């Protein structure tokens, strides 16, 4: 028998995530960030959390992302990307100030390639 059934696979990102939830304190938040990007040529980092356009953000996850966005590391930004495949209409939210921009597929590619470095 598998450790995670179909319902668990939709809720837990991994076997370890389920195990932590079942066995460790709930005074902490464990989140599975979707993407950590690093662009060598400009020395910048991005944490990116992806959500479907109609998907909500859990309170603990929002709190952790907000705290990370306030780390005093100039080369680090935290973003949430809301959209659905094929990503023709996407919203990118910068967590530190809640600034949101709407982008199309081509602009999303430029953002993820660091050709758009920041939300202006």
C-alpha atoms as a PDB file:
ATOM      1  CA  UNK A   1       0.000   0.000   0.000  1.00  0.00           C
ATOM      2  CA  UNK A   2       1.250   3.474  -0.860  1.00  0.00           C
ATOM      3  CA  UNK A   3       1.867   6.017   1.875  1.00  0.00           C
ATOM      4  CA  UNK A   4      -0.214   8.703   0.101  1.00  0.00           C
ATOM      5  CA  UNK A   5      -3.567   7.978  -1.528  1.00  0.00           C
ATOM      6  CA  UNK A   6      -5.037  10.095  -4.365  1.00  0.00           C
ATOM      7  CA  UNK A   7      -6.471  12.651  -1.917  1.00  0.00           C
ATOM      8  CA  UNK A   8      -3.109  12.923  -0.114  1.00  0.00           C
ATOM      9  CA  UNK A   9      -1.269  13.475  -3.404  1.00  0.00           C
ATOM     10  CA  UNK A  10      -3.443  16.527  -4.064  1.00  0.00           C
ATOM     11  CA  UNK A  11      -2.773  17.914  -0.572  1.00  0.00           C
ATOM     12  CA  UNK A  12       0.800  16.880   0.279  1.00  0.00           C
ATOM     13  CA  UNK A  13       3.674  17.678  -2.058  1.00  0.00           C
ATOM     14  CA  UNK A  14       5.666  14.646  -0.931  1.00  0.00           C
ATOM     15  CA  UNK A  15       5.730  11.693   1.424  1.00  0.00           C
ATOM     16  CA  UNK A  16       7.939  13.761   3.738  1.00  0.00           C
ATOM     17  CA  UNK A  17       5.375  16.606   3.836  1.00  0.00           C
ATOM     18  CA  UNK A  18       2.668  14.199   4.990  1.00  0.00           C
ATOM     19  CA  UNK A  19       5.002  12.611   7.524  1.00  0.00           C
ATOM     20  CA  UNK A  20       5.923  16.036   8.985  1.00  0.00           C
ATOM     21  CA  UNK A  21       2.240  16.984   9.223  1.00  0.00           C
ATOM     22  CA  UNK A  22       1.376  13.750  11.005  1.00  0.00           C
ATOM     23  CA  UNK A  23       4.389  13.568  13.335  1.00  0.00           C
ATOM     24  CA  UNK A  24       5.729  17.060  14.046  1.00  0.00           C
ATOM     25  CA  UNK A  25       4.453  20.125  15.848  1.00  0.00           C
ATOM     26  CA  UNK A  26       1.808  22.288  14.220  1.00  0.00           C
ATOM     27  CA  UNK A  27       3.351  25.376  15.810  1.00  0.00           C
ATOM     28  CA  UNK A  28       5.436  25.627  12.667  1.00  0.00           C
ATOM     29  CA  UNK A  29       4.617  25.957   8.998  1.00  0.00           C
ATOM     30  CA  UNK A  30       6.238  23.715   6.422  1.00  0.00           C
ATOM     31  CA  UNK A  31       5.789  24.897   2.862  1.00  0.00           C
ATOM     32  CA  UNK A  32       6.935  23.481  -0.411  1.00  0.00           C
ATOM     33  CA  UNK A  33       8.065  26.375  -2.581  1.00  0.00           C
ATOM     34  CA  UNK A  34       7.587  25.685  -6.248  1.00  0.00           C
ATOM     35  CA  UNK A  35      10.651  27.390  -7.693  1.00  0.00           C
ATOM     36  CA  UNK A  36      13.984  28.792  -6.581  1.00  0.00           C
ATOM     37  CA  UNK A  37      15.691  30.612  -9.434  1.00  0.00           C
ATOM     38  CA  UNK A  38      19.247  31.899  -9.546  1.00  0.00           C
ATOM     39  CA  UNK A  39      20.627  33.840 -12.503  1.00  0.00           C
ATOM     40  CA  UNK A  40      24.416  33.741 -12.389  1.00  0.00           C
ATOM     41  CA  UNK A  41      24.998  36.666 -14.735  1.00  0.00           C
ATOM     42  CA  UNK A  42      23.134  39.134 -12.509  1.00  0.00           C
ATOM     43  CA  UNK A  43      23.556  37.317  -9.182  1.00  0.00           C
ATOM     44  CA  UNK A  44      19.840  37.455  -8.355  1.00  0.00           C
ATOM     45  CA  UNK A  45      17.618  34.924  -6.606  1.00  0.00           C
ATOM     46  CA  UNK A  46      13.853  34.461  -6.791  1.00  0.00           C
ATOM     47  CA  UNK A  47      11.539  32.322  -4.721  1.00  0.00           C
ATOM     48  CA  UNK A  48       8.388  31.726  -6.737  1.00  0.00           C
ATOM     49  CA  UNK A  49       5.190  30.138  -5.497  1.00  0.00           C
ATOM     50  CA  UNK A  50       2.772  29.077  -8.246  1.00  0.00           C
ATOM     51  CA  UNK A  51      -0.993  29.024  -7.852  1.00  0.00           C
ATOM     52  CA  UNK A  52      -3.758  28.329 -10.360  1.00  0.00           C
ATOM     53  CA  UNK A  53      -5.775  31.458 -11.103  1.00  0.00           C
ATOM     54  CA  UNK A  54      -8.611  30.379  -8.791  1.00  0.00           C
ATOM     55  CA  UNK A  55      -6.423  28.841  -6.071  1.00  0.00           C
ATOM     56  CA  UNK A  56      -6.083  30.469  -2.668  1.00  0.00           C
ATOM     57  CA  UNK A  57      -3.082  30.964  -0.426  1.00  0.00           C
ATOM     58  CA  UNK A  58      -3.010  29.296   2.984  1.00  0.00           C
ATOM     59  CA  UNK A  59      -2.392  31.624   5.917  1.00  0.00           C
ATOM     60  CA  UNK A  60       0.816  29.922   7.064  1.00  0.00           C
ATOM     61  CA  UNK A  61       2.244  29.889   3.559  1.00  0.00           C
ATOM     62  CA  UNK A  62       1.455  33.590   3.069  1.00  0.00           C
ATOM     63  CA  UNK A  63       3.088  34.403   6.405  1.00  0.00           C
ATOM     64  CA  UNK A  64       6.296  32.529   5.543  1.00  0.00           C
ATOM     65  CA  UNK A  65       6.551  34.076   2.075  1.00  0.00           C
ATOM     66  CA  UNK A  66       6.067  37.522   3.587  1.00  0.00           C
ATOM     67  CA  UNK A  67       8.836  36.917   6.127  1.00  0.00           C
ATOM     68  CA  UNK A  68      11.217  35.659   3.437  1.00  0.00           C
ATOM     69  CA  UNK A  69      10.476  38.750   1.334  1.00  0.00           C
ATOM     70  CA  UNK A  70      11.654  40.941   4.224  1.00  0.00           C
ATOM     71  CA  UNK A  71      15.050  39.269   4.562  1.00  0.00           C
ATOM     72  CA  UNK A  72      17.647  41.960   3.993  1.00  0.00           C
ATOM     73  CA  UNK A  73      19.154  40.352   0.909  1.00  0.00           C
ATOM     74  CA  UNK A  74      19.076  42.800  -2.024  1.00  0.00           C
ATOM     75  CA  UNK A  75      19.574  40.003  -4.571  1.00  0.00           C
ATOM     76  CA  UNK A  76      16.465  38.102  -3.381  1.00  0.00           C
ATOM     77  CA  UNK A  77      12.835  38.643  -4.375  1.00  0.00           C
ATOM     78  CA  UNK A  78       9.737  36.582  -3.593  1.00  0.00           C
ATOM     79  CA  UNK A  79       6.881  36.304  -6.091  1.00  0.00           C
ATOM     80  CA  UNK A  80       3.589  34.479  -6.485  1.00  0.00           C
ATOM     81  CA  UNK A  81       2.528  33.639 -10.031  1.00  0.00           C
ATOM     82  CA  UNK A  82      -1.199  33.110 -10.639  1.00  0.00           C
ATOM     83  CA  UNK A  83      -2.299  31.596 -13.916  1.00  0.00           C
ATOM     84  CA  UNK A  84      -3.249  28.513 -15.837  1.00  0.00           C
ATOM     85  CA  UNK A  85      -1.662  26.646 -18.728  1.00  0.00           C
ATOM     86  CA  UNK A  86      -0.921  27.817 -21.428  1.00  0.00           C
ATOM     87  CA  UNK A  87      -0.149  30.959 -19.363  1.00  0.00           C
ATOM     88  CA  UNK A  88      -1.550  33.510 -21.821  1.00  0.00           C
ATOM     89  CA  UNK A  89      -2.966  35.682 -19.013  1.00  0.00           C
ATOM     90  CA  UNK A  90      -0.893  35.579 -15.827  1.00  0.00           C
ATOM     91  CA  UNK A  91      -0.602  37.746 -12.733  1.00  0.00           C
ATOM     92  CA  UNK A  92       2.764  38.150 -11.013  1.00  0.00           C
ATOM     93  CA  UNK A  93       2.655  39.409  -7.429  1.00  0.00           C
ATOM     94  CA  UNK A  94       5.736  40.732  -5.632  1.00  0.00           C
ATOM     95  CA  UNK A  95       5.246  39.686  -2.012  1.00  0.00           C
ATOM     96  CA  UNK A  96       7.190  42.458  -0.250  1.00  0.00           C
ATOM     97  CA  UNK A  97       4.779  45.201  -1.372  1.00  0.00           C
ATOM     98  CA  UNK A  98       1.891  43.233  -2.952  1.00  0.00           C
ATOM     99  CA  UNK A  99       2.514  44.875  -6.350  1.00  0.00           C
ATOM    100  CA  UNK A 100       0.780  42.896  -9.096  1.00  0.00           C
ATOM    101  CA  UNK A 101       1.278  43.037 -12.838  1.00  0.00           C
ATOM    102  CA  UNK A 102      -0.570  41.175 -15.574  1.00  0.00           C
ATOM    103  CA  UNK A 103       1.532  39.587 -18.277  1.00  0.00           C
ATOM    104  CA  UNK A 104       1.025  37.490 -21.372  1.00  0.00           C
ATOM    105  CA  UNK A 105       2.908  34.335 -22.299  1.00  0.00           C
ATOM    106  CA  UNK A 106       5.815  36.155 -23.927  1.00  0.00           C
ATOM    107  CA  UNK A 107       6.224  38.550 -20.990  1.00  0.00           C
ATOM    108  CA  UNK A 108       6.129  35.640 -18.530  1.00  0.00           C
ATOM    109  CA  UNK A 109       8.989  34.002 -20.411  1.00  0.00           C
ATOM    110  CA  UNK A 110      10.948  37.250 -20.215  1.00  0.00           C
ATOM    111  CA  UNK A 111      10.257  37.511 -16.482  1.00  0.00           C
ATOM    112  CA  UNK A 112      11.334  33.931 -15.820  1.00  0.00           C
ATOM    113  CA  UNK A 113      14.475  34.487 -17.930  1.00  0.00           C
ATOM    114  CA  UNK A 114      15.297  37.596 -15.823  1.00  0.00           C
ATOM    115  CA  UNK A 115      14.905  39.800 -18.903  1.00  0.00           C
ATOM    116  CA  UNK A 116      12.253  41.574 -16.823  1.00  0.00           C
ATOM    117  CA  UNK A 117      14.213  41.910 -13.606  1.00  0.00           C
ATOM    118  CA  UNK A 118      11.626  43.623 -11.431  1.00  0.00           C
ATOM    119  CA  UNK A 119       7.984  44.709 -11.498  1.00  0.00           C
ATOM    120  CA  UNK A 120       7.798  48.371 -12.510  1.00  0.00           C
END
